[in-house]
Protein backbone atom coordinates (compact mmCIF):
# COMPACT_ATOMS: atom_id res chain seq x y z
CA MET A 1 12.97 45.80 -87.62
CA ASN A 2 10.57 47.15 -85.34
CA LYS A 3 7.34 45.61 -84.17
CA ASN A 4 3.94 46.50 -85.79
CA ASP A 5 1.09 47.81 -83.84
CA ASN A 6 -0.94 44.65 -84.36
CA GLY A 7 1.51 41.64 -83.97
CA PRO A 8 0.78 38.19 -82.95
CA MET A 9 0.04 37.16 -79.47
CA LEU A 10 0.96 33.82 -77.78
CA ASN A 11 -1.69 31.99 -75.61
CA ALA A 12 -0.62 29.66 -72.83
CA TYR A 13 -1.41 28.49 -69.10
CA PRO A 14 1.73 29.71 -66.83
CA ASP A 15 2.49 25.93 -66.68
CA SER A 16 2.10 24.95 -70.36
CA LEU A 17 5.66 25.70 -71.60
CA GLY A 18 8.04 24.25 -69.33
CA GLY A 19 6.16 24.50 -66.10
CA SER A 20 6.36 27.85 -65.05
CA LEU A 21 6.38 31.58 -66.06
CA GLY A 22 9.83 31.75 -65.67
CA ASP A 23 10.32 28.88 -68.34
CA ILE A 24 8.02 30.82 -70.69
CA VAL A 25 10.26 33.96 -70.23
CA ASN A 26 13.13 31.71 -71.05
CA PHE A 27 11.52 30.18 -74.06
CA LEU A 28 10.47 33.71 -75.35
CA SER A 29 14.08 34.96 -74.84
CA LYS A 30 15.33 32.25 -77.44
CA LYS A 31 16.63 33.49 -80.86
CA GLU A 32 14.16 31.47 -82.62
CA LEU A 33 11.45 33.58 -80.97
CA LYS A 34 13.08 36.98 -81.70
CA ASP A 35 10.35 39.32 -82.94
CA VAL A 36 7.90 36.87 -83.30
CA PHE A 37 5.34 37.97 -80.50
CA SER A 38 4.09 41.44 -79.72
CA SER A 39 1.91 40.27 -76.96
CA PHE A 40 1.19 37.42 -74.39
CA TYR A 41 -1.85 36.12 -73.12
CA ILE A 42 -1.56 34.33 -69.82
CA LEU A 43 -4.47 32.19 -68.75
CA PRO A 44 -5.90 32.73 -64.99
CA SER A 45 -4.23 29.59 -63.31
CA LEU A 46 -1.52 32.36 -62.88
CA PHE A 47 -3.58 33.41 -59.87
CA HIS A 48 -5.09 31.31 -56.89
CA THR A 49 -7.70 29.15 -58.23
CA ASP A 50 -9.34 25.92 -57.86
CA LEU A 51 -12.09 24.48 -60.47
CA ASP A 52 -11.92 25.15 -64.26
CA ARG A 53 -8.22 25.15 -64.64
CA GLY A 54 -8.12 28.69 -63.33
CA PHE A 55 -11.61 30.39 -64.09
CA SER A 56 -12.53 29.86 -60.51
CA VAL A 57 -10.36 32.67 -58.92
CA ILE A 58 -10.06 32.55 -55.04
CA ASP A 59 -8.12 35.98 -55.33
CA TYR A 60 -5.64 37.65 -57.83
CA GLU A 61 -2.47 36.95 -55.94
CA LEU A 62 0.08 35.02 -57.91
CA ASN A 63 0.24 31.34 -57.60
CA SER A 64 3.43 30.46 -56.21
CA LEU A 65 3.50 27.06 -57.98
CA PHE A 66 3.75 28.75 -61.49
CA ALA A 67 4.94 32.44 -60.98
CA LYS A 68 6.78 34.77 -58.87
CA LYS A 69 6.90 38.55 -59.02
CA GLU A 70 10.36 38.40 -60.34
CA ASP A 71 8.94 36.39 -63.49
CA LEU A 72 6.89 39.30 -64.14
CA GLU A 73 9.62 41.81 -64.02
CA GLU A 74 11.73 39.71 -66.36
CA PHE A 75 9.18 39.22 -68.63
CA LYS A 76 8.54 43.23 -69.05
CA LYS A 77 12.31 43.49 -70.16
CA LEU A 78 11.01 41.23 -73.15
CA GLY A 79 9.10 44.34 -74.63
CA ILE A 80 5.99 42.12 -74.93
CA ASP A 81 2.59 43.15 -73.89
CA LEU A 82 0.77 41.42 -71.36
CA LYS A 83 -2.79 40.14 -71.62
CA LEU A 84 -4.67 38.89 -68.16
CA ASP A 85 -8.01 37.66 -67.21
CA PHE A 86 -10.68 39.37 -65.18
CA ILE A 87 -13.50 37.12 -64.47
CA LEU A 88 -16.38 39.63 -63.98
CA ASN A 89 -19.05 37.47 -63.27
CA HIS A 90 -18.00 35.09 -60.63
CA ALA A 91 -15.69 34.23 -57.69
CA SER A 92 -14.75 31.07 -56.12
CA VAL A 93 -16.35 29.44 -53.09
CA LEU A 94 -12.87 29.75 -51.43
CA SER A 95 -12.78 33.25 -52.00
CA GLU A 96 -12.43 35.51 -48.60
CA GLN A 97 -15.76 36.96 -49.29
CA PHE A 98 -17.50 33.84 -49.66
CA GLN A 99 -15.89 32.25 -46.86
CA ASP A 100 -16.67 34.91 -44.59
CA ILE A 101 -20.40 34.44 -45.38
CA ILE A 102 -19.96 30.41 -44.73
CA LYS A 103 -18.58 31.28 -41.24
CA LYS A 104 -20.61 34.34 -40.24
CA GLY A 105 -23.98 33.85 -41.93
CA GLU A 106 -26.08 36.69 -41.60
CA GLU A 107 -23.65 38.72 -39.85
CA SER A 108 -20.95 38.70 -42.67
CA LYS A 109 -20.43 42.23 -44.24
CA TYR A 110 -20.56 40.14 -47.64
CA ARG A 111 -23.61 38.66 -47.01
CA ASP A 112 -25.04 40.31 -50.42
CA PHE A 113 -21.65 40.16 -52.04
CA PHE A 114 -23.20 37.13 -53.99
CA ILE A 115 -26.74 36.74 -55.28
CA ASP A 116 -29.12 35.33 -52.58
CA TRP A 117 -31.61 33.64 -54.98
CA ASN A 118 -34.42 33.91 -52.77
CA LYS A 119 -34.03 37.55 -52.13
CA PHE A 120 -33.68 37.79 -56.04
CA TRP A 121 -36.79 36.01 -56.74
CA ASP A 122 -38.75 37.25 -53.64
CA GLY A 123 -42.69 37.44 -54.91
CA CYS A 124 -41.65 35.96 -58.17
CA GLY A 125 -42.27 32.12 -57.64
CA GLU A 126 -43.22 29.72 -55.24
CA MET A 127 -41.11 28.33 -52.27
CA THR A 128 -40.14 24.78 -52.44
CA ASP A 129 -39.69 22.17 -49.71
CA ALA A 130 -35.97 22.13 -50.53
CA GLY A 131 -35.78 25.83 -49.31
CA TYR A 132 -35.43 27.86 -52.78
CA ILE A 133 -38.00 29.75 -54.57
CA GLN A 134 -38.98 28.05 -58.15
CA PRO A 135 -39.54 31.19 -60.44
CA ASN A 136 -42.77 31.77 -62.28
CA PRO A 137 -42.21 30.08 -65.71
CA ASP A 138 -42.90 33.29 -67.73
CA LEU A 139 -40.29 34.84 -65.85
CA ILE A 140 -37.43 32.30 -66.51
CA LYS A 141 -38.67 31.15 -70.20
CA ASP A 142 -35.91 33.40 -71.85
CA MET A 143 -33.07 32.66 -69.36
CA PHE A 144 -29.91 30.88 -70.44
CA PHE A 145 -28.92 28.41 -68.16
CA ARG A 146 -25.39 26.61 -68.51
CA LYS A 147 -26.42 23.28 -66.93
CA PRO A 148 -29.63 21.49 -66.00
CA GLY A 149 -31.82 22.75 -63.40
CA LEU A 150 -31.67 25.79 -61.77
CA PRO A 151 -28.29 27.82 -61.13
CA ILE A 152 -28.28 27.20 -57.32
CA LEU A 153 -25.80 26.26 -54.70
CA MET A 154 -27.56 25.48 -51.42
CA VAL A 155 -25.20 26.94 -48.62
CA ARG A 156 -25.56 26.26 -45.18
CA PHE A 157 -25.18 29.09 -42.62
CA PRO A 158 -23.70 28.71 -39.17
CA ASP A 159 -27.11 28.40 -37.69
CA GLY A 160 -27.98 25.56 -39.91
CA LYS A 161 -30.02 27.61 -42.07
CA GLU A 162 -29.92 26.74 -45.90
CA VAL A 163 -29.48 29.58 -48.48
CA PRO A 164 -29.61 29.37 -52.16
CA TYR A 165 -26.89 31.40 -53.99
CA TRP A 166 -26.84 31.95 -57.77
CA ASN A 167 -24.23 29.64 -59.30
CA THR A 168 -24.19 29.88 -63.21
CA PHE A 169 -20.96 27.73 -63.88
CA TYR A 170 -19.21 24.96 -62.09
CA GLN A 171 -19.94 23.42 -58.69
CA GLU A 172 -18.84 20.75 -56.25
CA VAL A 173 -20.41 19.55 -53.06
CA ARG A 174 -18.28 17.28 -50.81
CA TYR A 175 -19.40 15.31 -47.61
CA PRO A 176 -16.79 13.81 -45.25
CA ALA A 177 -16.34 10.31 -45.76
CA LEU A 178 -17.31 8.16 -42.51
CA ASP A 179 -16.49 4.80 -41.59
CA ALA A 180 -18.23 2.35 -39.37
CA VAL A 181 -16.34 3.34 -36.16
CA ASP A 182 -17.36 7.23 -36.66
CA ILE A 183 -21.05 6.15 -37.29
CA ARG A 184 -21.05 4.05 -34.34
CA ASP A 185 -19.81 7.06 -32.08
CA ILE A 186 -21.91 9.58 -33.71
CA ALA A 187 -25.31 7.59 -33.55
CA SER A 188 -24.83 4.86 -31.38
CA VAL A 189 -25.28 2.16 -33.93
CA GLN A 190 -24.26 -1.43 -33.64
CA TYR A 191 -21.14 -1.96 -35.42
CA GLY A 192 -22.29 -4.38 -38.32
CA ILE A 193 -25.12 -1.88 -39.05
CA ALA A 194 -22.76 0.95 -39.02
CA GLU A 195 -20.36 -0.82 -41.31
CA GLY A 196 -23.41 -1.13 -43.95
CA LEU A 197 -24.49 2.28 -43.31
CA ALA A 198 -20.94 3.48 -44.13
CA ASN A 199 -20.78 1.72 -47.36
CA LEU A 200 -24.28 3.15 -48.37
CA LEU A 201 -23.68 6.57 -47.42
CA ASN A 202 -19.97 7.05 -49.08
CA GLU A 203 -21.00 5.33 -52.38
CA GLY A 204 -24.25 7.61 -52.41
CA LEU A 205 -22.65 10.50 -51.54
CA ARG A 206 -19.94 10.08 -54.30
CA GLU A 207 -22.96 9.68 -56.78
CA GLY A 208 -24.29 12.96 -55.67
CA LYS A 209 -27.11 12.07 -53.59
CA SER A 210 -27.81 13.92 -50.46
CA PRO A 211 -27.41 12.08 -46.62
CA ALA A 212 -31.34 12.87 -46.15
CA GLU A 213 -31.88 11.02 -49.29
CA LEU A 214 -29.76 8.06 -48.52
CA LEU A 215 -30.78 7.47 -45.08
CA SER A 216 -34.70 7.64 -46.09
CA GLU A 217 -34.30 4.82 -48.62
CA LYS A 218 -35.57 1.47 -47.33
CA ASN A 219 -33.02 -1.22 -47.17
CA ILE A 220 -31.78 -3.43 -44.33
CA TYR A 221 -29.45 -1.09 -42.85
CA THR A 222 -31.73 2.11 -42.52
CA ASP A 223 -34.39 0.21 -41.17
CA LYS A 224 -32.59 -0.72 -38.13
CA ILE A 225 -32.12 2.79 -37.06
CA THR A 226 -34.30 5.26 -35.35
CA ASP A 227 -35.56 8.61 -36.63
CA ASN A 228 -33.21 10.40 -34.06
CA GLN A 229 -30.16 8.52 -35.26
CA ARG A 230 -31.22 9.38 -38.97
CA THR A 231 -31.47 13.09 -37.80
CA VAL A 232 -27.98 12.70 -35.88
CA LEU A 233 -26.30 11.27 -38.94
CA CYS A 234 -27.53 13.88 -41.36
CA GLU A 235 -26.69 16.83 -39.12
CA LYS A 236 -23.19 15.68 -38.88
CA LEU A 237 -22.70 15.07 -42.46
CA GLU A 238 -24.35 18.39 -43.29
CA SER A 239 -22.27 20.36 -40.86
CA GLU A 240 -19.10 19.36 -42.30
CA ARG A 241 -20.38 19.67 -45.84
CA LYS A 242 -17.72 21.57 -48.34
CA TYR A 243 -18.06 23.21 -51.43
CA LEU A 244 -16.18 24.34 -54.73
CA GLY A 245 -17.95 26.37 -57.07
CA GLN A 246 -17.99 29.54 -59.13
CA MET A 247 -20.30 32.05 -57.36
CA ASP A 248 -22.05 34.74 -58.97
CA LEU A 249 -21.21 38.20 -57.98
CA ASN A 250 -24.14 40.66 -57.04
CA ILE A 251 -23.12 43.95 -59.09
CA LYS A 252 -25.70 45.84 -57.09
CA SER A 253 -23.27 45.75 -53.96
CA PRO A 254 -20.97 48.49 -53.74
CA LEU A 255 -18.40 45.97 -52.15
CA VAL A 256 -18.37 44.13 -55.53
CA TRP A 257 -17.30 47.33 -57.31
CA GLU A 258 -14.64 48.04 -54.83
CA PHE A 259 -13.51 44.44 -55.73
CA TYR A 260 -13.49 45.23 -59.30
CA ASP A 261 -11.46 48.28 -58.81
CA ASN A 262 -8.87 46.66 -56.66
CA THR A 263 -8.84 43.57 -59.09
CA LEU A 264 -8.07 45.97 -62.04
CA LYS A 265 -5.31 47.99 -59.96
CA THR A 266 -3.68 44.45 -59.24
CA LEU A 267 -3.77 43.44 -62.90
CA ALA A 268 -2.08 46.89 -64.01
CA LYS A 269 0.60 46.37 -61.27
CA TYR A 270 1.63 43.07 -62.83
CA GLY A 271 1.88 44.75 -66.16
CA ALA A 272 -1.01 44.23 -67.75
CA GLU A 273 -1.91 46.39 -70.82
CA ILE A 274 -4.91 44.05 -72.02
CA VAL A 275 -7.56 42.89 -69.77
CA ARG A 276 -9.94 40.15 -71.12
CA LEU A 277 -13.29 40.21 -69.45
CA ASP A 278 -14.60 36.42 -69.08
CA ALA A 279 -18.21 36.04 -68.73
CA PHE A 280 -19.13 39.72 -68.42
CA ALA A 281 -22.39 39.11 -70.23
CA TYR A 282 -23.70 36.96 -67.46
CA ALA A 283 -23.20 39.67 -64.93
CA PRO A 284 -26.28 41.90 -65.25
CA LYS A 285 -29.63 39.87 -64.15
CA GLY A 286 -32.96 41.06 -63.57
CA VAL A 287 -36.53 39.42 -62.82
CA GLY A 288 -38.27 38.56 -66.14
CA GLU A 289 -35.23 39.25 -68.51
CA LYS A 290 -32.41 37.20 -69.90
CA ASN A 291 -29.58 36.22 -67.42
CA PHE A 292 -27.06 36.73 -70.36
CA LEU A 293 -26.73 39.79 -72.41
CA ASN A 294 -29.34 41.81 -70.86
CA GLU A 295 -29.95 45.03 -72.52
CA PRO A 296 -28.87 47.92 -72.02
CA ALA A 297 -27.87 46.69 -68.30
CA THR A 298 -24.75 44.67 -69.89
CA TRP A 299 -23.34 47.75 -71.78
CA ASP A 300 -23.88 50.00 -68.52
CA VAL A 301 -21.92 47.36 -66.59
CA LEU A 302 -19.01 47.33 -69.46
CA THR A 303 -19.16 51.56 -69.34
CA ARG A 304 -18.57 51.22 -65.54
CA VAL A 305 -15.83 48.85 -65.92
CA ARG A 306 -14.21 50.71 -68.68
CA GLU A 307 -14.02 53.90 -66.37
CA LEU A 308 -12.14 51.75 -63.71
CA ALA A 309 -9.98 50.18 -66.24
CA ASP A 310 -8.99 53.70 -67.70
CA LYS A 311 -7.48 54.73 -64.26
CA TYR A 312 -5.01 51.93 -64.97
CA ASN A 313 -4.38 52.46 -68.57
CA LEU A 314 -5.91 49.01 -69.45
CA ARG A 315 -7.53 48.18 -72.72
CA LEU A 316 -10.56 45.91 -72.38
CA LEU A 317 -11.31 42.75 -74.61
CA PRO A 318 -14.72 41.75 -73.79
CA GLU A 319 -15.13 38.01 -74.20
CA ILE A 320 -18.61 36.64 -75.58
CA HIS A 321 -19.82 33.78 -77.52
CA ALA A 322 -22.97 34.41 -79.54
CA SER A 323 -24.26 33.42 -83.23
CA TYR A 324 -23.19 35.61 -85.85
CA GLU A 325 -26.73 36.13 -86.86
CA GLU A 326 -27.14 37.96 -83.27
CA LYS A 327 -24.37 40.54 -84.40
CA ILE A 328 -23.29 40.98 -80.99
CA TYR A 329 -19.66 41.19 -82.04
CA LYS A 330 -20.62 44.42 -84.11
CA LYS A 331 -22.38 46.06 -81.07
CA ILE A 332 -19.20 45.43 -78.97
CA ALA A 333 -16.89 46.63 -81.90
CA ASP A 334 -19.56 49.79 -82.23
CA LYS A 335 -19.20 50.77 -78.55
CA GLY A 336 -15.23 51.04 -79.12
CA TYR A 337 -13.82 47.79 -77.85
CA MET A 338 -11.81 44.78 -79.51
CA THR A 339 -13.74 41.76 -79.82
CA TYR A 340 -13.04 38.26 -80.48
CA ASP A 341 -13.16 36.62 -84.08
CA PHE A 342 -14.75 33.32 -82.78
CA PHE A 343 -15.79 32.70 -86.40
CA LEU A 344 -12.43 32.21 -88.07
CA PRO A 345 -11.68 28.93 -86.66
CA GLY A 346 -14.62 27.11 -87.81
CA LEU A 347 -14.42 29.35 -91.15
CA ILE A 348 -11.08 27.97 -92.04
CA ILE A 349 -11.90 24.34 -91.59
CA ASP A 350 -15.01 25.02 -93.69
CA ALA A 351 -13.02 26.56 -96.57
CA PHE A 352 -10.62 23.47 -96.72
CA GLU A 353 -13.63 21.01 -96.60
CA GLN A 354 -15.43 23.24 -99.18
CA GLN A 355 -12.42 24.15 -101.18
CA SER A 356 -13.56 27.63 -101.57
CA GLY A 357 -12.77 31.01 -99.73
CA GLU A 358 -15.80 32.56 -100.59
CA VAL A 359 -17.15 32.88 -96.79
CA LEU A 360 -13.59 33.85 -95.62
CA LYS A 361 -13.65 36.84 -97.99
CA ARG A 362 -17.10 38.04 -97.06
CA TRP A 363 -16.32 37.87 -93.49
CA ALA A 364 -12.64 39.72 -94.08
CA ASP A 365 -14.67 42.40 -96.13
CA GLU A 366 -16.97 42.83 -93.34
CA LEU A 367 -14.17 43.55 -90.62
CA VAL A 368 -12.63 46.04 -93.05
CA GLU A 369 -15.71 47.87 -94.05
CA LYS A 370 -17.05 48.14 -90.83
CA LYS A 371 -13.81 48.72 -89.06
CA ILE A 372 -14.27 45.91 -86.42
CA GLN A 373 -11.04 45.30 -84.37
CA VAL A 374 -10.67 41.65 -83.68
CA VAL A 375 -8.42 39.01 -81.73
CA ASN A 376 -8.52 36.04 -84.17
CA MET A 377 -7.38 32.58 -83.21
CA LEU A 378 -7.18 29.18 -84.77
CA GLY A 379 -7.17 26.84 -81.32
CA CYS A 380 -7.43 27.86 -77.95
CA HIS A 381 -7.95 26.71 -74.47
CA ASP A 382 -11.62 26.20 -74.89
CA GLY A 383 -12.14 24.29 -78.00
CA ILE A 384 -13.18 25.29 -81.68
CA PRO A 385 -16.28 27.52 -81.58
CA LEU A 386 -19.58 26.34 -83.41
CA LEU A 387 -22.34 28.14 -82.01
CA ASP A 388 -20.94 31.37 -83.14
CA LEU A 389 -21.08 30.14 -86.80
CA LYS A 390 -24.84 30.20 -86.98
CA GLY A 391 -26.00 32.70 -89.51
CA LEU A 392 -22.78 33.00 -91.29
CA ILE A 393 -22.85 29.54 -92.83
CA SER A 394 -25.59 27.06 -93.09
CA GLU A 395 -26.35 24.55 -90.48
CA GLU A 396 -25.74 21.71 -93.15
CA ARG A 397 -22.01 23.09 -93.19
CA ILE A 398 -21.81 23.41 -89.58
CA GLN A 399 -22.73 20.11 -89.37
CA SER A 400 -20.16 19.05 -91.96
CA VAL A 401 -17.36 21.05 -89.89
CA ILE A 402 -18.54 18.96 -86.78
CA ASP A 403 -18.53 15.68 -88.64
CA THR A 404 -15.20 16.22 -89.93
CA VAL A 405 -13.37 17.16 -86.77
CA VAL A 406 -15.03 14.11 -84.92
CA LYS A 407 -14.06 11.66 -87.35
CA ARG A 408 -10.57 13.05 -86.75
CA GLY A 409 -10.90 12.54 -83.05
CA GLY A 410 -12.44 15.53 -81.64
CA TYR A 411 -15.34 15.45 -78.96
CA VAL A 412 -18.49 17.58 -79.26
CA LYS A 413 -19.22 19.99 -76.44
CA ASP A 414 -23.29 20.33 -76.10
CA LEU A 415 -24.96 22.74 -74.17
CA HIS A 416 -27.33 21.23 -71.28
CA GLY A 417 -26.45 17.89 -72.59
CA GLN A 418 -28.76 18.55 -75.57
CA LYS A 419 -27.46 17.15 -78.66
CA ASN A 420 -29.18 19.56 -80.92
CA VAL A 421 -27.49 22.63 -79.08
CA TYR A 422 -24.04 22.49 -80.12
CA TYR A 423 -21.37 24.60 -78.67
CA GLN A 424 -17.82 23.72 -79.70
CA VAL A 425 -15.75 20.70 -80.85
CA ASN A 426 -12.89 19.96 -78.69
CA ALA A 427 -9.75 19.18 -80.44
CA THR A 428 -6.01 20.50 -81.14
CA TYR A 429 -6.35 22.60 -84.37
CA TYR A 430 -3.47 20.38 -86.07
CA SER A 431 -5.49 17.12 -85.26
CA ALA A 432 -8.97 18.96 -86.50
CA LEU A 433 -7.02 19.52 -89.80
CA GLY A 434 -6.04 15.83 -90.25
CA GLU A 435 -2.70 16.42 -88.67
CA ASP A 436 -1.62 17.72 -91.95
CA ASP A 437 1.78 19.81 -91.84
CA LYS A 438 0.64 21.79 -95.24
CA ARG A 439 -3.00 22.31 -94.11
CA MET A 440 -1.69 23.57 -90.68
CA LEU A 441 0.96 26.07 -92.18
CA PHE A 442 -1.62 27.40 -94.75
CA ALA A 443 -4.41 27.78 -91.93
CA ARG A 444 -1.63 30.02 -89.99
CA ALA A 445 -0.79 31.86 -93.00
CA ILE A 446 -4.41 32.56 -93.72
CA GLN A 447 -4.98 33.74 -89.96
CA VAL A 448 -1.95 35.82 -90.19
CA PHE A 449 -3.13 37.57 -93.31
CA MET A 450 -6.64 38.27 -91.91
CA PRO A 451 -7.57 41.38 -90.44
CA GLY A 452 -7.15 41.56 -86.50
CA LYS A 453 -4.56 40.61 -84.16
CA PRO A 454 -3.55 36.92 -84.44
CA GLN A 455 -3.75 35.08 -81.28
CA VAL A 456 -1.72 31.96 -81.35
CA TRP A 457 -2.55 28.85 -78.93
CA TYR A 458 1.06 27.23 -77.81
CA LEU A 459 -0.02 23.97 -78.54
CA ASP A 460 -1.01 24.68 -82.23
CA LEU A 461 2.50 26.43 -82.77
CA PHE A 462 4.17 22.97 -81.72
CA ALA A 463 1.61 21.02 -84.14
CA GLY A 464 0.21 19.16 -80.94
CA LYS A 465 -2.07 16.18 -81.49
CA ASN A 466 -5.14 15.14 -79.64
CA ASP A 467 -4.38 14.32 -76.18
CA TYR A 468 -6.70 11.16 -75.11
CA GLU A 469 -4.68 10.20 -72.20
CA ALA A 470 -5.30 13.60 -70.73
CA VAL A 471 -9.26 13.25 -71.34
CA LYS A 472 -9.29 10.09 -69.72
CA ARG A 473 -7.03 11.44 -66.38
CA ALA A 474 -9.72 14.21 -66.18
CA GLY A 475 -12.66 11.93 -66.18
CA ALA A 476 -16.35 13.14 -66.66
CA GLY A 477 -16.41 16.59 -68.30
CA GLY A 478 -12.59 16.42 -69.05
CA HIS A 479 -12.96 16.78 -72.62
CA LYS A 480 -11.11 20.15 -73.02
CA GLU A 481 -7.98 18.43 -71.70
CA ILE A 482 -7.44 17.13 -75.05
CA ASN A 483 -5.82 20.34 -76.25
CA ARG A 484 -4.00 21.42 -73.02
CA THR A 485 -1.04 19.05 -73.06
CA ASN A 486 1.71 20.70 -70.82
CA LEU A 487 5.10 20.58 -72.75
CA THR A 488 8.50 20.06 -71.01
CA VAL A 489 11.56 22.02 -71.59
CA LYS A 490 12.72 19.18 -73.59
CA GLU A 491 9.89 18.90 -75.74
CA MET A 492 10.05 22.65 -76.59
CA GLU A 493 13.49 22.38 -77.44
CA ASP A 494 13.08 19.30 -79.72
CA GLY A 495 9.83 21.08 -81.37
CA LEU A 496 11.92 24.26 -82.15
CA GLN A 497 14.13 22.06 -84.55
CA SER A 498 11.12 20.86 -86.28
CA ASP A 499 10.02 22.07 -89.86
CA ILE A 500 6.38 23.01 -89.07
CA VAL A 501 7.48 25.11 -86.17
CA GLN A 502 10.50 26.89 -87.83
CA LYS A 503 7.76 28.00 -90.69
CA GLN A 504 5.04 28.70 -88.50
CA LEU A 505 7.57 31.22 -86.62
CA GLU A 506 8.86 32.44 -89.97
CA ILE A 507 5.20 33.61 -90.73
CA LEU A 508 4.42 34.98 -87.66
CA ARG A 509 7.67 37.01 -87.45
CA LEU A 510 6.71 38.37 -90.65
CA ARG A 511 3.30 39.61 -89.22
CA SER A 512 4.71 40.92 -86.22
CA THR A 513 7.76 42.94 -87.95
CA PHE A 514 6.49 43.95 -91.61
CA HIS A 515 4.88 47.56 -91.86
CA ALA A 516 2.39 46.53 -94.29
CA PHE A 517 0.44 44.76 -91.52
CA SER A 518 -0.34 47.82 -89.37
CA LYS A 519 -3.79 48.79 -88.56
CA ASP A 520 -3.78 51.50 -90.90
CA SER A 521 -2.77 49.59 -93.70
CA GLU A 522 -5.22 48.60 -96.77
CA PHE A 523 -6.37 45.17 -96.92
CA GLU A 524 -7.99 43.15 -99.85
CA MET A 525 -8.96 39.76 -100.58
CA LYS A 526 -10.06 37.84 -103.73
CA CYS A 527 -11.13 34.26 -104.35
CA ALA A 528 -11.92 32.26 -107.37
CA GLY A 529 -12.76 28.54 -106.70
CA SER A 530 -10.36 27.08 -104.57
CA LYS A 531 -7.68 29.78 -105.17
CA ILE A 532 -7.31 32.65 -102.38
CA PHE A 533 -5.37 35.93 -102.84
CA MET A 534 -5.03 38.28 -99.71
CA GLU A 535 -2.92 41.50 -99.86
CA TRP A 536 -1.83 44.14 -97.45
CA LYS A 537 -0.49 47.63 -98.59
CA ASN A 538 0.97 50.56 -96.40
CA ASN A 539 2.72 53.31 -98.59
CA ASN A 540 5.69 51.32 -99.91
CA SER A 541 5.16 48.02 -97.86
CA HIS A 542 3.39 45.33 -99.70
CA ALA A 543 2.54 41.78 -98.58
CA VAL A 544 0.72 38.83 -100.64
CA LEU A 545 -0.54 35.54 -99.77
CA GLU A 546 -1.70 33.19 -102.78
CA GLY A 547 -2.76 29.89 -102.05
CA ASN A 548 -4.98 27.13 -103.15
CA LEU A 549 -7.56 25.45 -100.67
CA LEU A 550 -7.48 22.12 -102.69
CA SER A 551 -3.57 21.63 -102.60
CA CYS A 552 -2.78 23.69 -99.91
CA GLU A 553 0.06 25.10 -101.58
CA PHE A 554 0.86 28.74 -101.00
CA ASN A 555 3.43 31.48 -101.49
CA ILE A 556 4.15 34.46 -99.50
CA ILE A 557 5.72 37.54 -100.84
CA ALA A 558 6.60 40.96 -99.16
CA LYS A 559 8.15 44.04 -100.87
CA GLU A 560 9.47 47.29 -99.40
CA ASN A 561 9.90 49.97 -102.30
CA GLY A 562 9.38 47.34 -105.04
CA ASP A 563 12.39 44.99 -103.65
CA ILE A 564 11.52 41.48 -102.31
CA VAL A 565 12.55 41.54 -98.59
CA TYR A 566 10.82 38.21 -97.94
CA LYS A 567 9.71 35.30 -99.83
CA SER A 568 8.24 32.07 -98.41
CA ASP A 569 9.66 28.69 -99.03
CA LEU A 570 6.67 26.94 -97.81
């Protein structure tokens, strides 16, 4: 059979399945995977990156730990579309551009490649003793900050000047560890005092305090040093300060647009056909405006990026999380883009818990009636979305989904540490469904029959369970690792022999190859109590899913010219 135009997409890190892209190519070449996937989405640790498991990009060259050009060439032979990430809003502190700023300061040609906070807010607030402008409250009241405090990273220029740069997402500031001998030599301090200062400084710096803060504290050791010795020690530590972080790009800089063009050209060279635009809605910023999805600036930026992408025959998939009631998904679709169906993962769990397909049907009908092209999913690298459900189901039902998944071992991700501003639940989808094979298979069948292009998280395919050891290893903020377990070649081989994997592959292969699932097909969904009925038709091709959300029993039948070509035994 030929693959249809909207077949399933596998989603993984380059080291998720065996350890490298080469191992993934071997996996996709297996007979068990024949005609299953039409596309493959590789997460951005494929590139040179540091923080956030790939989403802090140093540059878009291939990470030699995980991939070679030869792997991409072999991948092309599979006839599977490639989807890659372009992180539109930010780049790593370790990028060539930011490192040039750190080394050359005001003389760097990239001085304005990133957003100088004080230049941005000049005349719009008060300068603080710390060296950054505190904007007037009325100008930031509508701004959406991803972490407590202002989104700033203070950067030290070669002349000692401290410059604040806009930093929406992750950051780390690291100071050198000094021992007693170092401190004695740097500041001419007696060894016993130096030993106490070393312990005080190293412990305090690990906790996130600054050298000046620690050396100004009153204790037995700091009382024994002079102001000059304090200054010398501070200067030594600050001069060797190192950073990691994701620094926001200044889209007003022509060099940024040159970078955008070169990046898209590079992704096309790798064979990408779809490019996911990560964090695009944060890129346009204006004084007194939101810093998330400003209008019309966001759409203007997207249009300019699309013009660049068109040169390289790339299709864009803008990624954004917003509540259903805001209708952002519809705005993206109305402008001719694919969009993510971040509603489906929570809706399926809700349908099982409510034993009703009513909301699923309403959402499916909207996708068809409004001709919204989506990529849908169950699990993904980033958790099960919750914020998106606001306005689609009640707050009580959203809370019920949260409670259900947490009871099954998941973790709640909140925004800004505020417990009343939920964002996502972190769990494998299999564990979120109670590690129930029948429920997992039924969830996959529902996804496959929903309008859109199904995206399949590799760990869901293998019915992966919550990985609590990975969360412990990751430490603070490592909740996402619960659903990112890398599988060895042996684990993949064993998994392919399991019933739940084979049956998922069977359903996905039908979706990939049967003509009834084409984009131009007719779709209908019905529900009555806990029973659901989903149907696709295209000329003489006809596929039906019937199931019960209470018992999780379901059947799939596919017919061609009235003859049964597929009947599930699930």
